[in-house]
């Protein structure tokens, strides 16, 4: 479900947060669906529970998830405004990655070709 790269310059909580955000935005995690518990995810990924809690806390502040004491964290039902926020967040991530690709010398044509391919699926 998650891929954490310990060699990445991005902190682990950001990697987790970004992957969860993407899964919610793309619909892989449905509204009201429970997220893995902090303890369970910590054991599966071998990372500190505080790191996972930080990612969850930031996502809660963004309105992507909500927590219920004793029950866990859940995907927030998407309203029109929340959906727009999610899309804006995703576009910011996409822009960041495209800029990285450009800096690495990946051509515009290659990025556009990949985009065409994905949207034709």
Foldseek 3Di string as FASTA:
>chain_A
DADADPPDPDDRLVRVLVVVLVCLLVVVAAFFRFDDALVVVCVVVVHDSVSPVVSVVVCVVLVQWDADPPPHIGGHHDDPVSSVSSVVVVVVVVVVVVVVCVVVPNDPVVVVVVVVVVVVD
